[in-house]
Each structure stands twice: as structure tokens, then as C-alpha cells.
Amino acid sequence: MEGELYIYNGAIWVVKGYQHPEGFIIAYPKYLIEHFPPRKMPNWLKEKYIIKEFYWDCINATVPVIPLSKSMYLGTRLFGKARELAKLINEYANIDLGEDVYFTGSASLGLNGDIDLVFYGNNVSWKVYNSLMALREAGVLKPLSLSELLEEHKKNPWVSFSDYVALRSGSILQGSLMNIRYSIRLVPYEHGYGTCIDRVTEVREEFLKVKIVEALSPYTTPAMYRVIVEQYNYEALLSSFKILFTELKPGATIEGIFRVEHREQLVKPILIPDVGKHLKFIKVT
């Protein structure tokens, strides 16, 4: 499942998505196991690290994979501020902290870093988001400060800082607990799939100007919106696995190169901004 960690070939890999080729896991290397706790893998080494790439016709894309049979699932344990945050959320959400949440990211390995939690299940996602809103309104969880926004902005340098502040300063999924930044992902699936469940039949990249009309599932990973492609005046869906594109409001307008997918189960095309080519926000609210 999205966000889970697996050990393979001397590194810790982070899983992306919810459907995977049979016998493999779509994942990216993130940490090196040279000593405990593992150290974060630098970007230059990620580029040189031996990554097996696999063209999967299901999603019509080439993705990095690791063999399921030779990889070990890393079952992390909630501790410290992450445990406090999970327990606070559960006071309102009443979910199973043993089954419904996964502690991921550098802090889960004993390194300094943000609290990164992933919650699984459609009903769980809805409960957790409502709980986060209640905790924010009560002042227990704080919005990102200007300095914290500056740090987070480094992950998305293509966005102007003023736009980033407008996009994320009111985020419920990102914030701080006792001056420690947190990031929450809400995955509407309860388990992953070792087979194709959402086939892409056609794909292309195209420069588009897209305006959000309706937020269908703005707080989940993937997030989903109904949009209008302005230069051609047709309706489509926008979907993203990036937290930057969560919690967008109707009226937000993005321009740039999108991956345009046609899928077996949907009539409308799906636009993916995650390719990150020449994107810019024309309007953020």
C-alpha cells in the first residue's frame, strides 16, 4: 500500500500506489541500511542505485519495481509524538490503530523528521479528516507557520512561494503538533492489489489549462476533482498522488503539461499533474 516501507537489496523502499504487477511492488529507494537507524539516501545515489524498471501495460508506464518474494515488509511501531498524534486523532475517529494506520517516513526509523502517518480505508479516511478538522478548530493542531511553509516549499520549488502559502497554509493534512511538523495521507483502499484493477487504455502528454469545478475527493491519496479543460471546453477528472494537489478548492486553475489517461472503467479522461512539466498555478483559490 501507498507509504509502506520494504527492505530490499540493502535499502528501504517506499511503496507507491495500490495496484502492482504480479510478483512485484512499485517502489522507490529512500534509505540506506548501513547502520541503525538507516540514513536517508542522497539524491545523487538514488540516480545511480540499481533500480529494476518494468513496463506495465496496466498503467501504460515504466515504473521502478522490487520483487515481492525477495523483499521484507517493514512493520513500524507508533512511538513518541507520532503515537501521541495517532491517539489524539483516534479520540474523535475511533479507528483501529493497529490495523488502519501506518507510521512511515524518516521519523519511523528513529531519524529526525516530520511525523508521516498513512491511514487506510474509505470510511477511515473520512473519519480521520473530520478528526483532524476538530483538532485544528480546538487549537490542538496548528497550521504550518511561515518558516515551516518555507521548509515544505523546498519540495516543490516550481511553485511560487506566495502560491504555496495560499495553497498549504490552511491545510488540514499538514500542520504541526507541539512544533513538530506532521503530514497525513488518507488512502481510500484497505489493501493493495497484486494485479491490474484500473487499466489505462490510452495515454499522452498535453499542454492544458485546467480549472477545478468540483472537489470529489480532495483529501485522499489519490485526490480526485472534476475539472474543465478551458482551451477545449470539455470536462475531465484530475487525479494526483502528490499531497500538493490535495485540498484544492473549486476555481483553482493549473496550466502545464499533464499526463492524459483514458481508462477502461471511466468515460471521462483523467488528467495527472504529477509529471510536473512546466506546471504553474494561474489561480489557487
Protein backbone atom coordinates (compact mmCIF):
# COMPACT_ATOMS: atom_id res chain seq x y z
CA MET A 1 0.00 0.00 0.00
CA GLU A 2 0.96 3.62 -0.54
CA GLY A 3 3.56 4.73 2.04
CA GLU A 4 4.56 1.28 3.33
CA LEU A 5 8.26 0.52 3.67
CA TYR A 6 10.01 -2.61 2.36
CA ILE A 7 13.61 -3.76 2.75
CA TYR A 8 15.36 -4.96 -0.41
CA ASN A 9 18.94 -5.01 -1.68
CA GLY A 10 20.46 -3.00 1.18
CA ALA A 11 17.91 -0.22 1.07
CA ILE A 12 14.48 0.70 2.41
CA TRP A 13 11.96 1.34 -0.35
CA VAL A 14 8.70 3.28 -0.13
CA VAL A 15 5.65 1.85 -1.90
CA LYS A 16 3.72 3.97 -4.40
CA GLY A 17 0.12 3.29 -5.35
CA TYR A 18 -2.30 0.48 -4.63
CA GLN A 19 -2.00 -1.81 -7.69
CA HIS A 20 1.19 -3.63 -8.67
CA PRO A 21 2.41 -6.08 -11.32
CA GLU A 22 2.05 -9.69 -10.23
CA GLY A 23 5.06 -10.69 -8.12
CA PHE A 24 6.43 -7.13 -7.85
CA ILE A 25 5.93 -3.94 -5.84
CA ILE A 26 6.11 -0.47 -7.37
CA ALA A 27 8.51 1.33 -5.01
CA TYR A 28 11.35 3.86 -4.81
CA PRO A 29 14.59 3.57 -2.77
CA LYS A 30 14.74 6.10 0.05
CA TYR A 31 17.03 4.96 2.88
CA LEU A 32 20.32 3.02 3.05
CA ILE A 33 20.80 0.27 5.66
CA GLU A 34 24.43 0.85 6.62
CA HIS A 35 23.82 1.10 10.32
CA PHE A 36 20.79 1.60 12.54
CA PRO A 37 18.96 3.84 12.17
CA PRO A 38 19.29 3.81 8.37
CA ARG A 39 20.42 7.06 6.77
CA LYS A 40 18.48 8.87 4.09
CA MET A 41 19.65 8.07 0.60
CA PRO A 42 21.03 11.21 -1.13
CA ASN A 43 19.52 12.15 -4.49
CA TRP A 44 22.76 11.56 -6.40
CA LEU A 45 22.88 7.99 -5.11
CA LYS A 46 19.22 7.37 -5.93
CA GLU A 47 20.06 8.15 -9.54
CA LYS A 48 22.96 5.65 -9.51
CA TYR A 49 21.26 2.98 -7.41
CA ILE A 50 20.41 -0.22 -9.24
CA ILE A 51 16.69 0.06 -9.90
CA LYS A 52 14.85 -2.51 -11.96
CA GLU A 53 12.33 -0.76 -14.21
CA PHE A 54 9.30 -2.56 -15.53
CA TYR A 55 6.93 -1.53 -18.30
CA TRP A 56 3.44 -2.38 -17.07
CA ASP A 57 0.75 -2.31 -19.70
CA CYS A 58 -1.91 -1.91 -16.99
CA ILE A 59 -0.91 1.70 -16.36
CA ASN A 60 0.88 2.20 -19.70
CA ALA A 61 4.06 3.37 -17.97
CA THR A 62 7.54 2.24 -16.96
CA VAL A 63 7.88 2.06 -13.17
CA PRO A 64 10.58 1.03 -10.66
CA VAL A 65 9.82 -2.31 -9.03
CA ILE A 66 11.21 -4.70 -6.44
CA PRO A 67 10.46 -8.45 -6.27
CA LEU A 68 7.81 -9.24 -3.68
CA SER A 69 9.33 -12.65 -2.82
CA LYS A 70 12.75 -11.12 -2.00
CA SER A 71 11.51 -8.05 -0.14
CA MET A 72 10.70 -7.80 3.56
CA TYR A 73 7.82 -5.72 4.84
CA LEU A 74 8.95 -3.26 7.49
CA GLY A 75 6.33 -3.24 10.23
CA THR A 76 6.90 0.06 12.01
CA ARG A 77 5.75 0.85 15.55
CA LEU A 78 3.99 4.02 16.67
CA PHE A 79 6.09 5.82 19.26
CA GLY A 80 6.85 9.31 20.56
CA LYS A 81 4.96 12.24 19.06
CA ALA A 82 3.61 10.03 16.26
CA ARG A 83 1.84 7.87 18.83
CA GLU A 84 0.50 10.98 20.57
CA LEU A 85 -0.86 12.32 17.28
CA ALA A 86 -2.45 8.98 16.37
CA LYS A 87 -4.11 8.74 19.80
CA LEU A 88 -5.41 12.32 19.53
CA ILE A 89 -6.90 11.55 16.12
CA ASN A 90 -8.45 8.38 17.48
CA GLU A 91 -10.29 10.26 20.24
CA TYR A 92 -12.60 11.57 17.51
CA ALA A 93 -12.19 8.93 14.79
CA ASN A 94 -12.49 5.70 16.84
CA ILE A 95 -10.50 3.53 14.43
CA ASP A 96 -8.14 0.58 14.86
CA LEU A 97 -4.64 1.98 15.45
CA GLY A 98 -3.21 -1.48 14.96
CA GLU A 99 -4.68 -2.04 11.51
CA ASP A 100 -5.76 1.28 9.99
CA VAL A 101 -2.62 3.41 10.36
CA TYR A 102 1.00 3.05 9.24
CA PHE A 103 3.92 5.11 10.59
CA THR A 104 6.18 5.90 7.63
CA GLY A 105 8.98 8.33 6.79
CA SER A 106 12.29 9.07 8.46
CA ALA A 107 10.85 9.54 11.97
CA SER A 108 9.54 5.95 11.92
CA LEU A 109 13.18 4.79 11.54
CA GLY A 110 14.39 6.83 14.51
CA LEU A 111 15.69 9.74 12.42
CA ASN A 112 14.81 13.38 12.90
CA GLY A 113 11.97 14.41 10.64
CA ASP A 114 8.28 15.06 10.25
CA ILE A 115 5.58 12.76 11.57
CA ASP A 116 4.30 10.91 8.50
CA LEU A 117 1.17 8.81 9.02
CA VAL A 118 -0.87 6.93 6.43
CA PHE A 119 -4.44 5.83 7.15
CA TYR A 120 -6.17 3.17 5.05
CA GLY A 121 -9.82 2.66 4.11
CA ASN A 122 -12.52 4.90 2.65
CA ASN A 123 -14.55 5.14 5.85
CA VAL A 124 -11.39 5.55 7.93
CA SER A 125 -10.21 8.40 5.65
CA TRP A 126 -13.44 10.30 6.17
CA LYS A 127 -13.32 9.80 9.96
CA VAL A 128 -9.67 10.87 10.22
CA TYR A 129 -10.14 14.02 8.16
CA ASN A 130 -13.08 15.08 10.32
CA SER A 131 -10.98 14.35 13.40
CA LEU A 132 -8.12 16.49 12.07
CA MET A 133 -10.54 19.37 11.46
CA ALA A 134 -11.89 19.09 15.01
CA LEU A 135 -8.36 19.07 16.45
CA ARG A 136 -7.42 22.10 14.34
CA GLU A 137 -10.52 24.01 15.45
CA ALA A 138 -9.70 23.16 19.08
CA GLY A 139 -6.18 24.55 18.60
CA VAL A 140 -4.50 21.24 19.42
CA LEU A 141 -3.05 21.00 15.91
CA LYS A 142 -1.58 24.16 14.41
CA PRO A 143 -1.37 25.23 10.76
CA LEU A 144 2.10 25.38 9.24
CA SER A 145 3.99 28.51 10.29
CA LEU A 146 5.73 30.71 7.73
CA SER A 147 9.11 29.11 8.49
CA GLU A 148 7.59 25.61 8.22
CA LEU A 149 5.96 26.54 4.92
CA LEU A 150 9.37 27.72 3.71
CA GLU A 151 10.85 24.30 4.53
CA GLU A 152 7.98 22.42 2.89
CA HIS A 153 8.18 24.67 -0.18
CA LYS A 154 11.65 23.28 -0.95
CA LYS A 155 9.96 20.03 -2.01
CA ASN A 156 8.01 21.91 -4.70
CA PRO A 157 10.31 24.68 -5.96
CA TRP A 158 8.38 25.07 -9.23
CA VAL A 159 5.50 26.67 -7.29
CA SER A 160 5.97 30.31 -6.33
CA PHE A 161 6.26 30.74 -2.56
CA SER A 162 3.23 33.06 -2.47
CA ASP A 163 1.14 30.42 -4.26
CA TYR A 164 2.48 27.72 -1.95
CA VAL A 165 1.45 29.74 1.10
CA ALA A 166 -2.03 30.23 -0.36
CA LEU A 167 -2.30 26.50 -1.14
CA ARG A 168 -0.93 24.94 2.05
CA SER A 169 -1.22 27.46 4.89
CA GLY A 170 -4.77 26.30 5.62
CA SER A 171 -4.08 22.61 5.02
CA ILE A 172 -5.63 20.13 7.44
CA LEU A 173 -3.43 17.26 6.20
CA GLN A 174 -0.25 19.17 7.01
CA GLY A 175 0.46 21.12 10.18
CA SER A 176 2.29 20.87 13.48
CA LEU A 177 1.84 19.21 16.85
CA MET A 178 3.90 20.84 19.60
CA ASN A 179 6.21 22.41 16.98
CA ILE A 180 6.77 19.12 15.14
CA ARG A 181 5.53 19.05 11.56
CA TYR A 182 3.12 16.32 10.55
CA SER A 183 1.89 15.06 7.21
CA ILE A 184 -1.14 12.78 6.84
CA ARG A 185 -2.06 10.65 3.84
CA LEU A 186 -5.55 9.19 3.63
CA VAL A 187 -5.70 6.21 1.28
CA PRO A 188 -9.24 5.07 0.44
CA TYR A 189 -8.16 1.44 -0.11
CA GLU A 190 -7.94 -1.13 2.67
CA HIS A 191 -5.32 -3.28 0.94
CA GLY A 192 -3.16 -3.32 -2.16
CA TYR A 193 -3.63 -5.43 -5.29
CA GLY A 194 -1.06 -7.66 -6.96
CA THR A 195 -2.86 -7.35 -10.26
CA CYS A 196 -4.38 -4.77 -12.58
CA ILE A 197 -7.67 -3.31 -11.32
CA ASP A 198 -7.74 0.03 -13.19
CA ARG A 199 -6.40 -0.37 -16.73
CA VAL A 200 -5.16 2.59 -18.77
CA THR A 201 -6.06 2.07 -22.42
CA GLU A 202 -4.54 5.21 -23.92
CA VAL A 203 -2.09 7.85 -22.72
CA ARG A 204 -0.48 11.03 -23.99
CA GLU A 205 1.09 14.21 -22.62
CA GLU A 206 -0.50 17.53 -23.49
CA PHE A 207 -0.24 21.19 -22.52
CA LEU A 208 -3.55 22.14 -20.88
CA LYS A 209 -5.17 24.84 -18.80
CA VAL A 210 -7.38 23.16 -16.23
CA LYS A 211 -9.91 24.70 -13.84
CA ILE A 212 -11.31 22.78 -10.87
CA VAL A 213 -15.10 22.72 -10.87
CA GLU A 214 -15.83 20.26 -8.05
CA ALA A 215 -13.71 18.64 -5.34
CA LEU A 216 -14.81 14.98 -5.46
CA SER A 217 -12.25 13.55 -3.03
CA PRO A 218 -9.79 16.35 -2.26
CA TYR A 219 -8.22 14.94 0.91
CA THR A 220 -7.42 11.37 -0.19
CA THR A 221 -4.41 9.82 -1.95
CA PRO A 222 -5.11 9.82 -4.82
CA ALA A 223 -7.10 13.06 -4.73
CA MET A 224 -9.83 13.46 -7.34
CA TYR A 225 -11.52 16.52 -8.86
CA ARG A 226 -13.95 17.31 -11.66
CA VAL A 227 -12.38 19.88 -13.96
CA ILE A 228 -12.89 21.86 -17.15
CA VAL A 229 -10.15 21.96 -19.77
CA GLU A 230 -10.53 25.61 -20.63
CA GLN A 231 -8.99 25.84 -24.10
CA TYR A 232 -11.14 22.95 -25.39
CA ASN A 233 -14.13 23.39 -23.05
CA TYR A 234 -14.56 19.73 -22.13
CA GLU A 235 -14.98 18.03 -18.74
CA ALA A 236 -12.38 15.66 -17.31
CA LEU A 237 -11.15 14.32 -13.99
CA LEU A 238 -7.93 15.41 -12.30
CA SER A 239 -6.17 12.87 -10.10
CA SER A 240 -2.93 13.14 -8.13
CA PHE A 241 -0.87 11.13 -5.63
CA LYS A 242 1.02 14.26 -4.52
CA ILE A 243 -0.03 15.96 -1.28
CA LEU A 244 0.50 19.33 -3.00
CA PHE A 245 -2.63 18.68 -5.05
CA THR A 246 -4.82 17.74 -2.09
CA GLU A 247 -7.39 20.11 -0.58
CA LEU A 248 -7.66 22.24 -3.73
CA LYS A 249 -10.72 24.50 -3.95
CA PRO A 250 -13.12 24.95 -6.89
CA GLY A 251 -11.81 27.76 -9.06
CA ALA A 252 -8.15 26.75 -8.70
CA THR A 253 -6.55 26.78 -12.15
CA ILE A 254 -3.42 24.92 -13.22
CA GLU A 255 -1.57 25.27 -16.52
CA GLY A 256 1.13 22.99 -17.89
CA ILE A 257 1.85 19.55 -19.30
CA PHE A 258 -0.46 16.84 -17.98
CA ARG A 259 -0.44 13.10 -18.49
CA VAL A 260 -3.82 12.42 -20.11
CA GLU A 261 -5.15 8.92 -19.43
CA HIS A 262 -8.17 7.05 -20.79
CA ARG A 263 -9.22 4.15 -18.57
CA GLU A 264 -11.47 1.16 -19.17
CA GLN A 265 -13.79 1.93 -16.26
CA LEU A 266 -14.26 5.67 -16.94
CA VAL A 267 -15.85 7.67 -19.73
CA LYS A 268 -14.05 10.94 -18.92
CA PRO A 269 -10.28 11.23 -19.37
CA ILE A 270 -8.11 11.56 -16.25
CA LEU A 271 -5.51 14.32 -16.10
CA ILE A 272 -2.39 13.67 -14.00
CA PRO A 273 -0.31 16.70 -12.96
CA ASP A 274 2.30 14.56 -11.18
CA VAL A 275 4.62 14.54 -14.22
CA GLY A 276 5.49 18.10 -13.11
CA LYS A 277 6.39 19.52 -16.51
CA HIS A 278 6.08 23.30 -16.92
CA LEU A 279 3.21 23.42 -14.43
CA LYS A 280 2.12 26.64 -12.78
CA PHE A 281 -0.90 27.76 -10.79
CA ILE A 282 -2.78 30.54 -12.55
CA LYS A 283 -5.18 30.78 -9.62
CA VAL A 284 -5.08 28.89 -6.32
CA THR A 285 -8.46 29.67 -4.76
